[in-house]
Amino acid sequence: MLLEGRIAIVTGAGGGLGRAHALYLASQGAKVVVNDLALASAEGVAGEIRAHGGDAIAIAGSVSDERAMADMAATAQETWGRVDILVNNAGILRDKSFAKMSIDDFRAVVDVHLIGAAICSKAVWEIMREQRFGRIVMTTSSSGLWGNFGQANYGAAKMALVGLMQTLAIEGEKHDIRVNCLAPTAATQMTHGVLSEASLAALDPSLVSPALLPLVSDDAPSRTILCAGAGHFAASRVTLSQGLYLGAGDHVGPALVARWDKVGDPEGELAPSYGFTQAERELASAGMIDPTVVNMRRQ
């Protein structure tokens, strides 16, 4: 019961992976706000939690509706006094090849996955800052991390969530707000028709949800991308190679082509702790700053 007394919000929790998340967090002692577009679906999951001795409330609303999400966060705080955990799980698919995809289809997916996560995170941000504690989980995807045919909209939104995580984790650090990403593989309405029946059976959503525990507990990391599915767990990182300095002049383009393998050599690569690491190293290699300077981050 590592989450005893914690208050969690799970979006898109009326079924599938969100339902599994809500049930799991409740099993670990959290009180849960079950959010879904359909109130009946949310009520059903909240009822399951209560039937097993947990505490939950159901709140209907779209993650793309700023007022509804602000009201949801306020209701959670009024009911239980705080909001400790937000799991941004809600999502939709509009899969098509990019040649056939309309901009409306692209925008709809980005609005739910990316803008929806930003809206929900904004709704709880001040609450978490004031109580000096918060755990936020973004739901990214292998389609965002490495691409997938027919999912330009979905992949773009999912990789954008990694960028949102990186910055919110930096900004929330001094308030003990830790932000991470979960990249799940699970059999849900969004994956039926994509995988075989045998694979779908192995990818039960409940096998993903334990991945939440290290991401939302008191000792949680921050800026971790945790991949989970079928009982398997792995970490992914956005890294920067050591690269090489070529300077300026007409030789640079041809030299870059000739030494391309060196530029991408993974030996010695690192996962920067903030974005300006790239500029620091570039300026240091050009002799513009002391290479021992390691932190020019703006506060």
C-alpha atoms as a PDB file:
ATOM      1  CA  MET A   1       0.000   0.000   0.000  1.00  0.00           C
ATOM      2  CA  LEU A   2       2.737   2.443  -1.005  1.00  0.00           C
ATOM      3  CA  LEU A   3       0.173   5.023  -2.125  1.00  0.00           C
ATOM      4  CA  GLU A   4      -1.896   5.044   1.054  1.00  0.00           C
ATOM      5  CA  GLY A   5      -3.574   8.433   1.400  1.00  0.00           C
ATOM      6  CA  ARG A   6      -2.490   9.703  -2.020  1.00  0.00           C
ATOM      7  CA  ILE A   7      -5.042  11.282  -4.350  1.00  0.00           C
ATOM      8  CA  ALA A   8      -4.833  10.290  -8.011  1.00  0.00           C
ATOM      9  CA  ILE A   9      -6.561  11.423 -11.193  1.00  0.00           C
ATOM     10  CA  VAL A  10      -6.597   9.051 -14.170  1.00  0.00           C
ATOM     11  CA  THR A  11      -7.958  10.375 -17.462  1.00  0.00           C
ATOM     12  CA  GLY A  12      -9.647   8.134 -19.991  1.00  0.00           C
ATOM     13  CA  ALA A  13     -10.196   5.607 -17.217  1.00  0.00           C
ATOM     14  CA  GLY A  14     -13.615   4.281 -18.184  1.00  0.00           C
ATOM     15  CA  GLY A  15     -12.108   1.242 -19.877  1.00  0.00           C
ATOM     16  CA  GLY A  16      -8.985  -0.374 -21.241  1.00  0.00           C
ATOM     17  CA  LEU A  17      -5.635   0.786 -19.950  1.00  0.00           C
ATOM     18  CA  GLY A  18      -7.084   3.705 -17.966  1.00  0.00           C
ATOM     19  CA  ARG A  19      -9.399   1.359 -16.088  1.00  0.00           C
ATOM     20  CA  ALA A  20      -6.464  -0.925 -15.281  1.00  0.00           C
ATOM     21  CA  HIS A  21      -4.478   2.088 -14.056  1.00  0.00           C
ATOM     22  CA  ALA A  22      -7.297   3.293 -11.818  1.00  0.00           C
ATOM     23  CA  LEU A  23      -7.853  -0.143 -10.299  1.00  0.00           C
ATOM     24  CA  TYR A  24      -4.132  -0.626  -9.714  1.00  0.00           C
ATOM     25  CA  LEU A  25      -3.587   2.744  -8.046  1.00  0.00           C
ATOM     26  CA  ALA A  26      -6.587   2.057  -5.806  1.00  0.00           C
ATOM     27  CA  SER A  27      -5.145  -1.348  -4.906  1.00  0.00           C
ATOM     28  CA  GLN A  28      -2.020   0.466  -3.723  1.00  0.00           C
ATOM     29  CA  GLY A  29      -4.047   2.694  -1.395  1.00  0.00           C
ATOM     30  CA  ALA A  30      -4.732   5.758  -3.544  1.00  0.00           C
ATOM     31  CA  LYS A  31      -8.081   7.502  -3.691  1.00  0.00           C
ATOM     32  CA  VAL A  32      -8.923   7.836  -7.373  1.00  0.00           C
ATOM     33  CA  VAL A  33     -10.748  10.287  -9.604  1.00  0.00           C
ATOM     34  CA  VAL A  34     -11.947   8.201 -12.543  1.00  0.00           C
ATOM     35  CA  ASN A  35     -12.312  10.452 -15.575  1.00  0.00           C
ATOM     36  CA  ASP A  36     -13.899   9.502 -18.872  1.00  0.00           C
ATOM     37  CA  LEU A  37     -15.965  11.093 -21.606  1.00  0.00           C
ATOM     38  CA  ALA A  38     -18.860   8.801 -20.673  1.00  0.00           C
ATOM     39  CA  LEU A  39     -20.081   9.200 -17.095  1.00  0.00           C
ATOM     40  CA  ALA A  40     -21.552   5.680 -17.057  1.00  0.00           C
ATOM     41  CA  SER A  41     -18.153   4.178 -17.908  1.00  0.00           C
ATOM     42  CA  ALA A  42     -16.416   6.271 -15.251  1.00  0.00           C
ATOM     43  CA  GLU A  43     -19.065   5.349 -12.676  1.00  0.00           C
ATOM     44  CA  GLY A  44     -18.627   1.687 -13.490  1.00  0.00           C
ATOM     45  CA  VAL A  45     -14.888   1.764 -12.740  1.00  0.00           C
ATOM     46  CA  ALA A  46     -15.359   3.908  -9.626  1.00  0.00           C
ATOM     47  CA  GLY A  47     -17.936   1.364  -8.467  1.00  0.00           C
ATOM     48  CA  GLU A  48     -15.423  -1.465  -8.962  1.00  0.00           C
ATOM     49  CA  ILE A  49     -12.929   0.380  -6.792  1.00  0.00           C
ATOM     50  CA  ARG A  50     -15.467   0.990  -4.046  1.00  0.00           C
ATOM     51  CA  ALA A  51     -16.621  -2.646  -4.204  1.00  0.00           C
ATOM     52  CA  HIS A  52     -13.066  -3.699  -3.372  1.00  0.00           C
ATOM     53  CA  GLY A  53     -12.917  -1.361  -0.369  1.00  0.00           C
ATOM     54  CA  GLY A  54     -11.317   1.609  -2.121  1.00  0.00           C
ATOM     55  CA  ASP A  55     -12.409   5.200  -2.491  1.00  0.00           C
ATOM     56  CA  ALA A  56     -13.204   6.726  -5.882  1.00  0.00           C
ATOM     57  CA  ILE A  57     -15.344   9.302  -7.602  1.00  0.00           C
ATOM     58  CA  ALA A  58     -16.347   9.471 -11.253  1.00  0.00           C
ATOM     59  CA  ILE A  59     -16.087  12.688 -13.249  1.00  0.00           C
ATOM     60  CA  ALA A  60     -17.076  12.960 -16.900  1.00  0.00           C
ATOM     61  CA  GLY A  61     -15.385  15.411 -19.212  1.00  0.00           C
ATOM     62  CA  SER A  62     -13.079  15.797 -22.173  1.00  0.00           C
ATOM     63  CA  VAL A  63      -9.398  16.421 -21.501  1.00  0.00           C
ATOM     64  CA  SER A  64      -9.541  19.070 -24.217  1.00  0.00           C
ATOM     65  CA  ASP A  65     -12.076  21.086 -22.172  1.00  0.00           C
ATOM     66  CA  GLU A  66     -10.115  23.493 -19.946  1.00  0.00           C
ATOM     67  CA  ARG A  67     -13.036  24.398 -17.702  1.00  0.00           C
ATOM     68  CA  ALA A  68     -14.076  20.781 -17.175  1.00  0.00           C
ATOM     69  CA  MET A  69     -10.535  19.715 -16.251  1.00  0.00           C
ATOM     70  CA  ALA A  70     -10.081  22.676 -13.911  1.00  0.00           C
ATOM     71  CA  ASP A  71     -13.370  21.770 -12.244  1.00  0.00           C
ATOM     72  CA  MET A  72     -12.254  18.142 -11.968  1.00  0.00           C
ATOM     73  CA  ALA A  73      -9.029  19.106 -10.187  1.00  0.00           C
ATOM     74  CA  ALA A  74     -10.952  21.464  -7.902  1.00  0.00           C
ATOM     75  CA  THR A  75     -13.462  18.734  -7.054  1.00  0.00           C
ATOM     76  CA  ALA A  76     -10.669  16.315  -6.166  1.00  0.00           C
ATOM     77  CA  GLN A  77      -9.067  18.918  -3.918  1.00  0.00           C
ATOM     78  CA  GLU A  78     -12.378  19.849  -2.277  1.00  0.00           C
ATOM     79  CA  THR A  79     -13.229  16.183  -1.706  1.00  0.00           C
ATOM     80  CA  TRP A  80      -9.900  14.953  -0.376  1.00  0.00           C
ATOM     81  CA  GLY A  81      -7.840  18.078   0.317  1.00  0.00           C
ATOM     82  CA  ARG A  82      -5.097  17.607  -2.276  1.00  0.00           C
ATOM     83  CA  VAL A  83      -4.101  16.114  -5.645  1.00  0.00           C
ATOM     84  CA  ASP A  84      -0.923  14.039  -5.625  1.00  0.00           C
ATOM     85  CA  ILE A  85      -0.944  12.069  -8.862  1.00  0.00           C
ATOM     86  CA  LEU A  86      -2.084  12.752 -12.414  1.00  0.00           C
ATOM     87  CA  VAL A  87      -1.974  10.023 -15.045  1.00  0.00           C
ATOM     88  CA  ASN A  88      -2.550  11.519 -18.489  1.00  0.00           C
ATOM     89  CA  ASN A  89      -3.949   8.444 -20.205  1.00  0.00           C
ATOM     90  CA  ALA A  90      -6.826   9.645 -22.415  1.00  0.00           C
ATOM     91  CA  GLY A  91      -6.275   9.225 -26.135  1.00  0.00           C
ATOM     92  CA  ILE A  92      -7.765   8.583 -29.565  1.00  0.00           C
ATOM     93  CA  LEU A  93      -6.562   7.190 -32.888  1.00  0.00           C
ATOM     94  CA  ARG A  94      -7.104   8.466 -36.430  1.00  0.00           C
ATOM     95  CA  ASP A  95      -4.715   6.144 -38.271  1.00  0.00           C
ATOM     96  CA  LYS A  96      -4.010   6.738 -41.955  1.00  0.00           C
ATOM     97  CA  SER A  97      -0.925   7.100 -44.106  1.00  0.00           C
ATOM     98  CA  PHE A  98       0.253  10.710 -44.174  1.00  0.00           C
ATOM     99  CA  ALA A  99      -0.723  10.937 -47.854  1.00  0.00           C
ATOM    100  CA  LYS A 100      -4.340  10.176 -46.938  1.00  0.00           C
ATOM    101  CA  MET A 101      -4.470  11.919 -43.569  1.00  0.00           C
ATOM    102  CA  SER A 102      -6.367  15.197 -43.333  1.00  0.00           C
ATOM    103  CA  ILE A 103      -5.081  18.022 -41.196  1.00  0.00           C
ATOM    104  CA  ASP A 104      -8.325  17.694 -39.219  1.00  0.00           C
ATOM    105  CA  ASP A 105      -7.333  14.103 -38.360  1.00  0.00           C
ATOM    106  CA  PHE A 106      -3.856  15.276 -37.425  1.00  0.00           C
ATOM    107  CA  ARG A 107      -5.156  18.112 -35.257  1.00  0.00           C
ATOM    108  CA  ALA A 108      -7.770  15.953 -33.498  1.00  0.00           C
ATOM    109  CA  VAL A 109      -5.142  13.477 -32.260  1.00  0.00           C
ATOM    110  CA  VAL A 110      -2.713  16.195 -31.190  1.00  0.00           C
ATOM    111  CA  ASP A 111      -5.527  18.050 -29.384  1.00  0.00           C
ATOM    112  CA  VAL A 112      -6.435  15.034 -27.249  1.00  0.00           C
ATOM    113  CA  HIS A 113      -3.026  13.526 -26.556  1.00  0.00           C
ATOM    114  CA  LEU A 114      -0.790  16.598 -26.318  1.00  0.00           C
ATOM    115  CA  ILE A 115      -3.056  19.574 -25.630  1.00  0.00           C
ATOM    116  CA  GLY A 116      -5.257  17.429 -23.391  1.00  0.00           C
ATOM    117  CA  ALA A 117      -2.262  16.386 -21.295  1.00  0.00           C
ATOM    118  CA  ALA A 118      -1.136  20.009 -21.069  1.00  0.00           C
ATOM    119  CA  ILE A 119      -4.618  21.118 -19.985  1.00  0.00           C
ATOM    120  CA  CYS A 120      -4.851  18.445 -17.291  1.00  0.00           C
ATOM    121  CA  SER A 121      -1.312  19.121 -16.065  1.00  0.00           C
ATOM    122  CA  LYS A 122      -2.070  22.832 -15.901  1.00  0.00           C
ATOM    123  CA  ALA A 123      -5.229  22.095 -13.916  1.00  0.00           C
ATOM    124  CA  VAL A 124      -3.244  20.388 -11.140  1.00  0.00           C
ATOM    125  CA  TRP A 125       0.015  22.355 -11.413  1.00  0.00           C
ATOM    126  CA  GLU A 126      -0.702  25.100  -8.865  1.00  0.00           C
ATOM    127  CA  ILE A 127      -2.213  22.596  -6.443  1.00  0.00           C
ATOM    128  CA  MET A 128       0.966  20.526  -6.616  1.00  0.00           C
ATOM    129  CA  ARG A 129       3.209  23.585  -6.345  1.00  0.00           C
ATOM    130  CA  GLU A 130       1.423  24.841  -3.246  1.00  0.00           C
ATOM    131  CA  GLN A 131       1.488  21.461  -1.497  1.00  0.00           C
ATOM    132  CA  ARG A 132       5.094  20.950  -2.692  1.00  0.00           C
ATOM    133  CA  PHE A 133       4.417  17.468  -3.988  1.00  0.00           C
ATOM    134  CA  GLY A 134       3.205  16.070  -7.283  1.00  0.00           C
ATOM    135  CA  ARG A 135       3.639  13.127  -9.609  1.00  0.00           C
ATOM    136  CA  ILE A 136       2.595  13.423 -13.259  1.00  0.00           C
ATOM    137  CA  VAL A 137       2.749  10.613 -15.805  1.00  0.00           C
ATOM    138  CA  MET A 138       2.484  11.303 -19.529  1.00  0.00           C
ATOM    139  CA  THR A 139       1.522   8.425 -21.803  1.00  0.00           C
ATOM    140  CA  THR A 140       3.972   8.321 -24.692  1.00  0.00           C
ATOM    141  CA  SER A 141       4.329   5.481 -27.203  1.00  0.00           C
ATOM    142  CA  SER A 142       6.837   3.513 -29.223  1.00  0.00           C
ATOM    143  CA  SER A 143       5.106   5.120 -32.220  1.00  0.00           C
ATOM    144  CA  GLY A 144       6.352   8.479 -30.976  1.00  0.00           C
ATOM    145  CA  LEU A 145       9.783   7.310 -29.878  1.00  0.00           C
ATOM    146  CA  TRP A 146      10.598   5.421 -33.072  1.00  0.00           C
ATOM    147  CA  GLY A 147       7.747   5.964 -35.542  1.00  0.00           C
ATOM    148  CA  ASN A 148       5.054   3.719 -36.986  1.00  0.00           C
ATOM    149  CA  PHE A 149       3.462   3.618 -40.423  1.00  0.00           C
ATOM    150  CA  GLY A 150       0.075   5.316 -40.547  1.00  0.00           C
ATOM    151  CA  GLN A 151       0.520   7.164 -37.261  1.00  0.00           C
ATOM    152  CA  ALA A 152       2.124  10.505 -38.128  1.00  0.00           C
ATOM    153  CA  ASN A 153      -0.437  12.350 -35.986  1.00  0.00           C
ATOM    154  CA  TYR A 154      -0.241   9.920 -33.073  1.00  0.00           C
ATOM    155  CA  GLY A 155       3.547   9.640 -33.207  1.00  0.00           C
ATOM    156  CA  ALA A 156       4.014  13.412 -33.320  1.00  0.00           C
ATOM    157  CA  ALA A 157       1.746  13.906 -30.302  1.00  0.00           C
ATOM    158  CA  LYS A 158       3.386  11.106 -28.344  1.00  0.00           C
ATOM    159  CA  MET A 159       6.926  12.385 -28.900  1.00  0.00           C
ATOM    160  CA  ALA A 160       5.767  15.898 -28.040  1.00  0.00           C
ATOM    161  CA  LEU A 161       4.683  14.547 -24.664  1.00  0.00           C
ATOM    162  CA  VAL A 162       8.297  13.564 -24.012  1.00  0.00           C
ATOM    163  CA  GLY A 163       9.291  17.189 -24.588  1.00  0.00           C
ATOM    164  CA  LEU A 164       6.507  18.368 -22.282  1.00  0.00           C
ATOM    165  CA  MET A 165       7.733  15.945 -19.618  1.00  0.00           C
ATOM    166  CA  GLN A 166      11.330  17.174 -19.910  1.00  0.00           C
ATOM    167  CA  THR A 167      10.443  20.818 -19.291  1.00  0.00           C
ATOM    168  CA  LEU A 168       7.772  20.299 -16.638  1.00  0.00           C
ATOM    169  CA  ALA A 169      10.208  18.104 -14.705  1.00  0.00           C
ATOM    170  CA  ILE A 170      12.787  20.905 -14.712  1.00  0.00           C
ATOM    171  CA  GLU A 171      10.242  23.558 -13.709  1.00  0.00           C
ATOM    172  CA  GLY A 172       8.653  21.369 -11.050  1.00  0.00           C
ATOM    173  CA  GLU A 173      11.843  20.107  -9.455  1.00  0.00           C
ATOM    174  CA  LYS A 174      12.068  22.644  -6.638  1.00  0.00           C
ATOM    175  CA  HIS A 175       8.442  21.916  -5.701  1.00  0.00           C
ATOM    176  CA  ASP A 176       9.006  18.123  -5.658  1.00  0.00           C
ATOM    177  CA  ILE A 177       6.865  17.695  -8.757  1.00  0.00           C
ATOM    178  CA  ARG A 178       8.282  14.747 -10.676  1.00  0.00           C
ATOM    179  CA  VAL A 179       7.200  14.092 -14.227  1.00  0.00           C
ATOM    180  CA  ASN A 180       7.731  10.880 -16.170  1.00  0.00           C
ATOM    181  CA  CYS A 181       6.529   9.086 -19.294  1.00  0.00           C
ATOM    182  CA  LEU A 182       5.010   5.641 -19.640  1.00  0.00           C
ATOM    183  CA  ALA A 183       5.152   3.933 -23.039  1.00  0.00           C
ATOM    184  CA  PRO A 184       2.633   1.071 -22.763  1.00  0.00           C
ATOM    185  CA  THR A 185       1.890  -1.843 -25.031  1.00  0.00           C
ATOM    186  CA  ALA A 186      -1.549  -3.138 -24.173  1.00  0.00           C
ATOM    187  CA  ALA A 187      -4.561  -4.748 -25.755  1.00  0.00           C
ATOM    188  CA  THR A 188      -7.219  -2.038 -25.845  1.00  0.00           C
ATOM    189  CA  GLN A 189      -9.797  -0.757 -28.302  1.00  0.00           C
ATOM    190  CA  MET A 190      -6.931   1.191 -29.869  1.00  0.00           C
ATOM    191  CA  THR A 191      -4.902  -1.948 -30.654  1.00  0.00           C
ATOM    192  CA  HIS A 192      -7.578  -4.413 -31.776  1.00  0.00           C
ATOM    193  CA  GLY A 193      -7.176  -5.110 -35.456  1.00  0.00           C
ATOM    194  CA  VAL A 194      -3.473  -4.266 -35.264  1.00  0.00           C
ATOM    195  CA  LEU A 195      -2.185  -7.338 -33.379  1.00  0.00           C
ATOM    196  CA  SER A 196      -3.053 -11.046 -33.460  1.00  0.00           C
ATOM    197  CA  GLU A 197      -5.514 -12.470 -30.959  1.00  0.00           C
ATOM    198  CA  ALA A 198      -2.734 -14.416 -29.232  1.00  0.00           C
ATOM    199  CA  SER A 199      -0.653 -11.264 -28.869  1.00  0.00           C
ATOM    200  CA  LEU A 200      -3.630  -9.315 -27.584  1.00  0.00           C
ATOM    201  CA  ALA A 201      -4.199 -11.961 -24.916  1.00  0.00           C
ATOM    202  CA  ALA A 202      -0.570 -11.621 -23.765  1.00  0.00           C
ATOM    203  CA  LEU A 203      -0.835  -7.839 -23.663  1.00  0.00           C
ATOM    204  CA  ASP A 204      -3.404  -7.542 -20.897  1.00  0.00           C
ATOM    205  CA  PRO A 205      -3.543  -3.879 -19.770  1.00  0.00           C
ATOM    206  CA  SER A 206      -3.249  -4.958 -16.131  1.00  0.00           C
ATOM    207  CA  LEU A 207       0.326  -6.063 -16.864  1.00  0.00           C
ATOM    208  CA  VAL A 208       1.267  -2.469 -17.703  1.00  0.00           C
ATOM    209  CA  SER A 209      -0.218  -0.704 -14.690  1.00  0.00           C
ATOM    210  CA  PRO A 210       2.413  -1.823 -12.117  1.00  0.00           C
ATOM    211  CA  ALA A 211       4.823   0.391 -14.082  1.00  0.00           C
ATOM    212  CA  LEU A 212       3.013   3.354 -12.538  1.00  0.00           C
ATOM    213  CA  LEU A 213       4.138   2.545  -9.015  1.00  0.00           C
ATOM    214  CA  PRO A 214       7.808   3.557  -9.331  1.00  0.00           C
ATOM    215  CA  LEU A 215       6.788   6.618 -11.356  1.00  0.00           C
ATOM    216  CA  VAL A 216       4.336   8.020  -8.775  1.00  0.00           C
ATOM    217  CA  SER A 217       5.706   6.863  -5.430  1.00  0.00           C
ATOM    218  CA  ASP A 218       7.492   9.138  -2.961  1.00  0.00           C
ATOM    219  CA  ASP A 219      10.878   7.974  -4.293  1.00  0.00           C
ATOM    220  CA  ALA A 220       9.910   8.398  -7.945  1.00  0.00           C
ATOM    221  CA  PRO A 221      12.515   9.436 -10.493  1.00  0.00           C
ATOM    222  CA  SER A 222      11.890  12.319 -12.856  1.00  0.00           C
ATOM    223  CA  ARG A 223      12.260  12.475 -16.645  1.00  0.00           C
ATOM    224  CA  THR A 224      12.163   8.702 -17.047  1.00  0.00           C
ATOM    225  CA  ILE A 225      10.644   7.041 -20.107  1.00  0.00           C
ATOM    226  CA  LEU A 226       9.456   3.631 -18.943  1.00  0.00           C
ATOM    227  CA  CYS A 227       8.310   1.099 -21.533  1.00  0.00           C
ATOM    228  CA  ALA A 228       5.979  -1.652 -20.342  1.00  0.00           C
ATOM    229  CA  GLY A 229       3.988  -4.490 -21.842  1.00  0.00           C
ATOM    230  CA  ALA A 230       3.303  -8.211 -21.347  1.00  0.00           C
ATOM    231  CA  GLY A 231       5.112  -8.091 -18.001  1.00  0.00           C
ATOM    232  CA  HIS A 232       8.321  -6.676 -19.504  1.00  0.00           C
ATOM    233  CA  PHE A 233       9.823  -3.316 -18.485  1.00  0.00           C
ATOM    234  CA  ALA A 234      12.569  -1.240 -20.090  1.00  0.00           C
ATOM    235  CA  ALA A 235      13.799   2.350 -20.088  1.00  0.00           C
ATOM    236  CA  SER A 236      14.265   4.560 -23.128  1.00  0.00           C
ATOM    237  CA  ARG A 237      16.405   7.700 -23.299  1.00  0.00           C
ATOM    238  CA  VAL A 238      16.863  10.700 -25.564  1.00  0.00           C
ATOM    239  CA  THR A 239      20.640  10.852 -25.929  1.00  0.00           C
ATOM    240  CA  LEU A 240      23.292  13.118 -27.430  1.00  0.00           C
ATOM    241  CA  SER A 241      26.417  11.712 -29.055  1.00  0.00           C
ATOM    242  CA  GLN A 242      29.856  13.141 -28.380  1.00  0.00           C
ATOM    243  CA  GLY A 243      30.059  14.344 -31.983  1.00  0.00           C
ATOM    244  CA  LEU A 244      33.039  16.300 -33.314  1.00  0.00           C
ATOM    245  CA  TYR A 245      34.101  19.873 -33.970  1.00  0.00           C
ATOM    246  CA  LEU A 246      34.562  20.909 -37.613  1.00  0.00           C
ATOM    247  CA  GLY A 247      34.619  24.689 -37.289  1.00  0.00           C
ATOM    248  CA  ALA A 248      33.636  27.024 -40.112  1.00  0.00           C
ATOM    249  CA  GLY A 249      34.471  27.261 -43.786  1.00  0.00           C
ATOM    250  CA  ASP A 250      33.832  25.618 -47.127  1.00  0.00           C
ATOM    251  CA  HIS A 251      35.303  22.331 -45.920  1.00  0.00           C
ATOM    252  CA  VAL A 252      32.622  21.755 -43.289  1.00  0.00           C
ATOM    253  CA  GLY A 253      29.869  20.217 -45.462  1.00  0.00           C
ATOM    254  CA  PRO A 254      32.134  17.693 -47.228  1.00  0.00           C
ATOM    255  CA  ALA A 255      33.942  16.932 -43.952  1.00  0.00           C
ATOM    256  CA  LEU A 256      30.614  16.269 -42.243  1.00  0.00           C
ATOM    257  CA  VAL A 257      29.668  13.831 -45.000  1.00  0.00           C
ATOM    258  CA  ALA A 258      33.051  12.117 -44.780  1.00  0.00           C
ATOM    259  CA  ARG A 259      32.945  11.752 -41.000  1.00  0.00           C
ATOM    260  CA  TRP A 260      29.241  11.032 -40.606  1.00  0.00           C
ATOM    261  CA  ASP A 261      29.887   7.806 -38.700  1.00  0.00           C
ATOM    262  CA  LYS A 262      31.851   9.743 -36.071  1.00  0.00           C
ATOM    263  CA  VAL A 263      29.027  12.235 -35.613  1.00  0.00           C
ATOM    264  CA  GLY A 264      26.595   9.462 -34.775  1.00  0.00           C
ATOM    265  CA  ASP A 265      28.983   7.203 -32.857  1.00  0.00           C
ATOM    266  CA  PRO A 266      27.035   6.105 -29.742  1.00  0.00           C
ATOM    267  CA  GLU A 267      30.165   5.596 -27.630  1.00  0.00           C
ATOM    268  CA  GLY A 268      30.177   8.103 -24.794  1.00  0.00           C
ATOM    269  CA  GLU A 269      26.699   9.419 -25.554  1.00  0.00           C
ATOM    270  CA  LEU A 270      24.789  11.066 -22.729  1.00  0.00           C
ATOM    271  CA  ALA A 271      21.250  11.925 -21.714  1.00  0.00           C
ATOM    272  CA  PRO A 272      21.407  15.709 -21.089  1.00  0.00           C
ATOM    273  CA  SER A 273      19.820  17.010 -17.907  1.00  0.00           C
ATOM    274  CA  TYR A 274      18.546  20.104 -19.739  1.00  0.00           C
ATOM    275  CA  GLY A 275      18.319  21.329 -23.327  1.00  0.00           C
ATOM    276  CA  PHE A 276      21.086  23.923 -23.193  1.00  0.00           C
ATOM    277  CA  THR A 277      23.652  21.143 -22.737  1.00  0.00           C
ATOM    278  CA  GLN A 278      23.896  20.986 -26.520  1.00  0.00           C
ATOM    279  CA  ALA A 279      24.722  24.680 -26.845  1.00  0.00           C
ATOM    280  CA  GLU A 280      27.188  24.551 -23.947  1.00  0.00           C
ATOM    281  CA  ARG A 281      29.158  21.768 -25.559  1.00  0.00           C
ATOM    282  CA  GLU A 282      29.084  23.393 -28.983  1.00  0.00           C
ATOM    283  CA  LEU A 283      30.379  26.681 -27.571  1.00  0.00           C
ATOM    284  CA  ALA A 284      33.007  24.871 -25.500  1.00  0.00           C
ATOM    285  CA  SER A 285      34.289  23.007 -28.569  1.00  0.00           C
ATOM    286  CA  ALA A 286      34.527  26.338 -30.395  1.00  0.00           C
ATOM    287  CA  GLY A 287      36.569  27.759 -27.524  1.00  0.00           C
ATOM    288  CA  MET A 288      33.878  30.275 -26.597  1.00  0.00           C
ATOM    289  CA  ILE A 289      33.251  29.084 -23.025  1.00  0.00           C
ATOM    290  CA  ASP A 290      35.206  27.174 -20.408  1.00  0.00           C
ATOM    291  CA  PRO A 291      34.518  23.468 -21.069  1.00  0.00           C
ATOM    292  CA  THR A 292      34.299  22.916 -17.311  1.00  0.00           C
ATOM    293  CA  VAL A 293      31.150  25.068 -17.207  1.00  0.00           C
ATOM    294  CA  VAL A 294      28.292  22.615 -17.061  1.00  0.00           C
ATOM    295  CA  ASN A 295      25.248  24.640 -16.107  1.00  0.00           C
ATOM    296  CA  MET A 296      24.026  27.662 -18.029  1.00  0.00           C
ATOM    297  CA  ARG A 297      20.382  26.766 -17.538  1.00  0.00           C
ATOM    298  CA  ARG A 298      18.010  29.680 -17.161  1.00  0.00           C
ATOM    299  CA  GLN A 299      16.045  29.605 -13.916  1.00  0.00           C
END
